[in-house]
Amino acid sequence: MAKKLYVGSLPYSTTDEELKEHFASAGTVESAKVIMDKFSGRSKGFAFVEMSSDEEATKAIEQFNGSDLGGRKLVVNEARPMTDRKPRGGGRGGFGGGGGRGNF
């Protein structure tokens, strides 16, 4: 069964293909996806890599966590499931705080 890894602290110039090639030395890479900002189109500096087995995922973590890629020290660990995001904002119906207007 494939296991998904989180890869952080990537150089912003890293492409999906470069990441896939880099992780291939640890085993079969099912997919590699650099996460892009939807507004600017630039990399957010992290990615998800899916290895074909638990053993290859463990090997990739051991091999690449703390290693250098493009002058940056990678953070590689098992990806955690996405949790429900709570809406941000203060009181007053989630529109944020803000002071009163006095007696106007």
N, C-alpha and C. Protein backbone atom coordinates (compact mmCIF):
# COMPACT_ATOMS: atom_id res chain seq x y z
N MET A 1 0.83 -1.18 0.00
CA MET A 1 0.00 0.00 0.00
C MET A 1 0.88 1.25 0.00
N ALA A 2 0.53 2.21 -0.81
CA ALA A 2 1.33 3.43 -0.93
C ALA A 2 1.23 4.27 0.34
N LYS A 3 2.30 4.99 0.64
CA LYS A 3 2.32 5.86 1.80
C LYS A 3 2.74 7.26 1.37
N LYS A 4 1.97 8.25 1.82
CA LYS A 4 2.22 9.63 1.45
C LYS A 4 3.14 10.30 2.47
N LEU A 5 4.12 11.05 1.94
CA LEU A 5 5.07 11.78 2.77
C LEU A 5 4.90 13.28 2.57
N TYR A 6 5.12 14.03 3.65
CA TYR A 6 5.18 15.49 3.58
C TYR A 6 6.65 15.87 3.40
N VAL A 7 6.92 16.77 2.47
CA VAL A 7 8.29 17.26 2.24
C VAL A 7 8.25 18.77 2.36
N GLY A 8 8.90 19.29 3.39
CA GLY A 8 8.90 20.73 3.64
C GLY A 8 10.27 21.35 3.44
N SER A 9 10.28 22.67 3.45
CA SER A 9 11.50 23.47 3.29
C SER A 9 12.15 23.26 1.92
N LEU A 10 11.30 23.11 0.91
CA LEU A 10 11.80 22.94 -0.46
C LEU A 10 12.26 24.27 -1.05
N PRO A 11 13.27 24.23 -1.91
CA PRO A 11 13.58 25.43 -2.68
C PRO A 11 12.35 25.77 -3.54
N TYR A 12 12.04 27.03 -3.68
CA TYR A 12 10.83 27.45 -4.41
C TYR A 12 10.89 27.10 -5.89
N SER A 13 12.07 26.80 -6.40
CA SER A 13 12.21 26.47 -7.82
C SER A 13 12.00 24.98 -8.11
N THR A 14 11.81 24.16 -7.09
CA THR A 14 11.68 22.71 -7.28
C THR A 14 10.41 22.37 -8.05
N THR A 15 10.54 21.46 -9.04
CA THR A 15 9.38 21.02 -9.82
C THR A 15 8.95 19.62 -9.37
N ASP A 16 7.76 19.22 -9.78
CA ASP A 16 7.26 17.87 -9.48
C ASP A 16 8.24 16.82 -9.98
N GLU A 17 8.70 16.99 -11.21
CA GLU A 17 9.59 16.00 -11.83
C GLU A 17 10.93 15.91 -11.10
N GLU A 18 11.51 17.05 -10.71
CA GLU A 18 12.78 17.04 -9.97
C GLU A 18 12.62 16.32 -8.63
N LEU A 19 11.50 16.57 -7.97
CA LEU A 19 11.24 15.94 -6.68
C LEU A 19 11.09 14.43 -6.85
N LYS A 20 10.37 14.02 -7.89
CA LYS A 20 10.17 12.59 -8.16
C LYS A 20 11.52 11.92 -8.42
N GLU A 21 12.37 12.54 -9.22
CA GLU A 21 13.70 11.98 -9.51
C GLU A 21 14.55 11.90 -8.24
N HIS A 22 14.46 12.92 -7.40
CA HIS A 22 15.26 12.96 -6.17
C HIS A 22 14.87 11.81 -5.24
N PHE A 23 13.58 11.55 -5.09
CA PHE A 23 13.10 10.52 -4.18
C PHE A 23 13.19 9.11 -4.77
N ALA A 24 13.42 9.00 -6.05
CA ALA A 24 13.49 7.68 -6.70
C ALA A 24 14.61 6.80 -6.15
N SER A 25 15.65 7.41 -5.60
CA SER A 25 16.75 6.60 -5.05
C SER A 25 16.33 5.83 -3.80
N ALA A 26 15.19 6.19 -3.20
CA ALA A 26 14.69 5.48 -2.03
C ALA A 26 13.68 4.39 -2.42
N GLY A 27 13.23 4.39 -3.68
CA GLY A 27 12.26 3.39 -4.12
C GLY A 27 11.35 3.95 -5.19
N THR A 28 10.23 3.26 -5.41
CA THR A 28 9.28 3.64 -6.46
C THR A 28 8.42 4.80 -5.98
N VAL A 29 8.46 5.89 -6.73
CA VAL A 29 7.66 7.06 -6.41
C VAL A 29 6.38 7.00 -7.23
N GLU A 30 5.25 6.88 -6.54
CA GLU A 30 3.96 6.83 -7.21
C GLU A 30 3.56 8.22 -7.73
N SER A 31 3.81 9.25 -6.91
CA SER A 31 3.50 10.62 -7.32
C SER A 31 4.33 11.59 -6.50
N ALA A 32 4.53 12.77 -7.07
CA ALA A 32 5.22 13.86 -6.38
C ALA A 32 4.53 15.16 -6.80
N LYS A 33 4.03 15.90 -5.84
CA LYS A 33 3.27 17.11 -6.15
C LYS A 33 3.72 18.27 -5.28
N VAL A 34 4.37 19.26 -5.91
CA VAL A 34 4.74 20.49 -5.23
C VAL A 34 3.47 21.34 -5.12
N ILE A 35 3.19 21.85 -3.93
CA ILE A 35 1.98 22.63 -3.70
C ILE A 35 2.23 24.08 -4.12
N MET A 36 1.33 24.57 -4.97
CA MET A 36 1.47 25.91 -5.54
C MET A 36 0.41 26.85 -4.96
N ASP A 37 0.78 28.11 -4.82
CA ASP A 37 -0.16 29.14 -4.38
C ASP A 37 -1.12 29.42 -5.53
N LYS A 38 -2.42 29.37 -5.28
CA LYS A 38 -3.38 29.51 -6.38
C LYS A 38 -3.46 30.93 -6.92
N PHE A 39 -3.02 31.91 -6.16
CA PHE A 39 -3.10 33.29 -6.63
C PHE A 39 -1.84 33.72 -7.38
N SER A 40 -0.66 33.39 -6.81
CA SER A 40 0.59 33.84 -7.43
C SER A 40 1.15 32.81 -8.41
N GLY A 41 0.75 31.54 -8.26
CA GLY A 41 1.29 30.49 -9.12
C GLY A 41 2.67 30.02 -8.71
N ARG A 42 3.18 30.54 -7.58
CA ARG A 42 4.51 30.16 -7.08
C ARG A 42 4.39 29.01 -6.09
N SER A 43 5.48 28.28 -5.94
CA SER A 43 5.54 27.19 -4.97
C SER A 43 5.36 27.73 -3.56
N LYS A 44 4.70 26.93 -2.72
CA LYS A 44 4.56 27.29 -1.31
C LYS A 44 5.73 26.74 -0.48
N GLY A 45 6.64 25.99 -1.13
CA GLY A 45 7.81 25.49 -0.43
C GLY A 45 7.61 24.14 0.24
N PHE A 46 6.50 23.47 -0.09
CA PHE A 46 6.32 22.11 0.42
C PHE A 46 5.63 21.26 -0.63
N ALA A 47 5.68 19.94 -0.40
CA ALA A 47 5.14 19.00 -1.38
C ALA A 47 4.70 17.73 -0.69
N PHE A 48 4.03 16.88 -1.47
CA PHE A 48 3.67 15.55 -1.00
C PHE A 48 4.23 14.54 -2.00
N VAL A 49 4.89 13.52 -1.47
CA VAL A 49 5.46 12.46 -2.29
C VAL A 49 4.83 11.15 -1.82
N GLU A 50 4.35 10.37 -2.77
CA GLU A 50 3.74 9.09 -2.44
C GLU A 50 4.66 7.97 -2.88
N MET A 51 5.13 7.19 -1.90
CA MET A 51 5.99 6.05 -2.17
C MET A 51 5.13 4.80 -2.27
N SER A 52 5.60 3.79 -3.01
CA SER A 52 4.75 2.63 -3.30
C SER A 52 4.58 1.66 -2.13
N SER A 53 5.44 1.75 -1.11
CA SER A 53 5.29 0.85 0.05
C SER A 53 5.71 1.56 1.33
N ASP A 54 5.30 0.99 2.45
CA ASP A 54 5.69 1.53 3.76
C ASP A 54 7.21 1.48 3.94
N GLU A 55 7.82 0.40 3.47
CA GLU A 55 9.27 0.23 3.61
C GLU A 55 10.02 1.31 2.85
N GLU A 56 9.57 1.60 1.61
CA GLU A 56 10.21 2.65 0.82
C GLU A 56 9.98 4.03 1.43
N ALA A 57 8.81 4.23 2.01
CA ALA A 57 8.53 5.51 2.67
C ALA A 57 9.45 5.71 3.87
N THR A 58 9.63 4.65 4.66
CA THR A 58 10.53 4.72 5.81
C THR A 58 11.96 5.00 5.35
N LYS A 59 12.38 4.33 4.29
CA LYS A 59 13.72 4.55 3.75
C LYS A 59 13.88 6.01 3.27
N ALA A 60 12.87 6.55 2.61
CA ALA A 60 12.92 7.93 2.12
C ALA A 60 13.02 8.92 3.28
N ILE A 61 12.26 8.68 4.35
CA ILE A 61 12.34 9.56 5.52
C ILE A 61 13.74 9.54 6.11
N GLU A 62 14.29 8.33 6.29
CA GLU A 62 15.63 8.20 6.86
C GLU A 62 16.69 8.83 5.96
N GLN A 63 16.51 8.66 4.66
CA GLN A 63 17.51 9.14 3.70
C GLN A 63 17.45 10.65 3.48
N PHE A 64 16.26 11.23 3.46
CA PHE A 64 16.13 12.63 3.05
C PHE A 64 15.81 13.63 4.15
N ASN A 65 15.27 13.19 5.29
CA ASN A 65 14.97 14.16 6.35
C ASN A 65 16.28 14.77 6.85
N GLY A 66 16.38 16.08 6.77
CA GLY A 66 17.60 16.78 7.18
C GLY A 66 18.65 16.88 6.09
N SER A 67 18.38 16.28 4.92
CA SER A 67 19.35 16.35 3.83
C SER A 67 19.23 17.68 3.09
N ASP A 68 20.24 18.00 2.31
CA ASP A 68 20.28 19.26 1.58
C ASP A 68 19.74 19.10 0.16
N LEU A 69 18.88 20.02 -0.23
CA LEU A 69 18.40 20.08 -1.61
C LEU A 69 18.39 21.55 -2.02
N GLY A 70 19.24 21.90 -2.95
CA GLY A 70 19.30 23.28 -3.42
C GLY A 70 19.65 24.29 -2.34
N GLY A 71 20.46 23.86 -1.37
CA GLY A 71 20.87 24.76 -0.30
C GLY A 71 19.89 24.85 0.86
N ARG A 72 18.85 24.03 0.85
CA ARG A 72 17.86 24.03 1.94
C ARG A 72 17.81 22.66 2.58
N LYS A 73 17.64 22.64 3.88
CA LYS A 73 17.58 21.40 4.65
C LYS A 73 16.13 20.90 4.66
N LEU A 74 15.91 19.74 4.01
CA LEU A 74 14.55 19.20 3.87
C LEU A 74 13.98 18.69 5.18
N VAL A 75 12.67 18.81 5.31
CA VAL A 75 11.92 18.19 6.39
C VAL A 75 11.04 17.13 5.73
N VAL A 76 11.25 15.87 6.08
CA VAL A 76 10.48 14.78 5.47
C VAL A 76 9.89 13.93 6.58
N ASN A 77 8.57 13.77 6.56
CA ASN A 77 7.92 12.88 7.51
C ASN A 77 6.62 12.36 6.92
N GLU A 78 5.99 11.45 7.64
CA GLU A 78 4.74 10.88 7.16
C GLU A 78 3.67 11.97 7.16
N ALA A 79 2.94 12.05 6.06
CA ALA A 79 1.88 13.05 5.94
C ALA A 79 0.74 12.68 6.88
N ARG A 80 0.18 13.69 7.52
CA ARG A 80 -0.97 13.47 8.40
C ARG A 80 -2.24 13.84 7.65
N PRO A 81 -3.35 13.20 7.98
CA PRO A 81 -4.60 13.55 7.30
C PRO A 81 -4.98 15.00 7.59
N MET A 82 -5.61 15.62 6.61
CA MET A 82 -6.04 17.00 6.77
C MET A 82 -7.17 17.05 7.79
N THR A 83 -7.09 17.99 8.70
CA THR A 83 -8.14 18.13 9.71
C THR A 83 -9.10 19.23 9.30
N ASP A 84 -10.27 19.22 9.91
CA ASP A 84 -11.23 20.28 9.63
C ASP A 84 -10.66 21.60 10.09
N ARG A 85 -10.77 22.59 9.24
CA ARG A 85 -10.27 23.92 9.58
C ARG A 85 -11.39 24.70 10.24
N LYS A 86 -11.06 25.35 11.33
CA LYS A 86 -12.05 26.17 12.02
C LYS A 86 -12.01 27.56 11.40
N PRO A 87 -13.17 28.19 11.27
CA PRO A 87 -13.18 29.54 10.72
C PRO A 87 -12.42 30.49 11.63
N ARG A 88 -11.72 31.41 11.02
CA ARG A 88 -10.97 32.39 11.78
C ARG A 88 -11.80 33.64 11.97
N GLY A 89 -11.42 34.40 12.95
CA GLY A 89 -12.12 35.65 13.21
C GLY A 89 -12.55 35.69 14.65
N GLY A 90 -12.83 36.86 15.10
CA GLY A 90 -13.22 37.05 16.49
C GLY A 90 -14.70 36.84 16.66
N GLY A 91 -15.23 37.48 17.67
CA GLY A 91 -16.65 37.39 17.97
C GLY A 91 -17.46 38.12 16.91
N ARG A 92 -18.66 38.48 17.25
CA ARG A 92 -19.55 39.22 16.37
C ARG A 92 -19.79 38.50 15.04
N GLY A 93 -20.09 37.24 15.11
CA GLY A 93 -20.44 36.52 13.89
C GLY A 93 -19.28 36.21 12.97
N GLY A 94 -18.06 36.22 13.50
CA GLY A 94 -16.91 35.85 12.69
C GLY A 94 -16.38 36.96 11.80
N PHE A 95 -16.80 38.18 12.04
CA PHE A 95 -16.31 39.28 11.21
C PHE A 95 -15.15 40.01 11.86
N GLY A 96 -14.59 39.42 12.88
CA GLY A 96 -13.45 40.05 13.54
C GLY A 96 -13.92 41.00 14.61
N GLY A 97 -13.00 41.48 15.38
CA GLY A 97 -13.32 42.37 16.49
C GLY A 97 -13.65 43.76 16.00
N GLY A 98 -12.91 44.67 16.49
CA GLY A 98 -13.16 46.06 16.07
C GLY A 98 -13.81 46.81 17.21
N GLY A 99 -13.42 48.02 17.34
CA GLY A 99 -13.96 48.84 18.43
C GLY A 99 -15.33 49.38 18.09
N GLY A 100 -15.95 49.88 19.11
CA GLY A 100 -17.25 50.51 18.90
C GLY A 100 -17.07 51.90 18.32
N ARG A 101 -18.14 52.56 18.01
CA ARG A 101 -18.06 53.89 17.42
C ARG A 101 -18.49 54.96 18.42
N GLY A 102 -18.43 54.61 19.64
CA GLY A 102 -18.85 55.60 20.64
C GLY A 102 -20.35 55.74 20.65
N ASN A 103 -20.82 56.92 20.82
CA ASN A 103 -22.27 57.17 20.91
C ASN A 103 -22.84 57.70 19.61
N PHE A 104 -22.22 57.42 18.50
CA PHE A 104 -22.71 57.94 17.22
C PHE A 104 -23.79 57.10 16.65
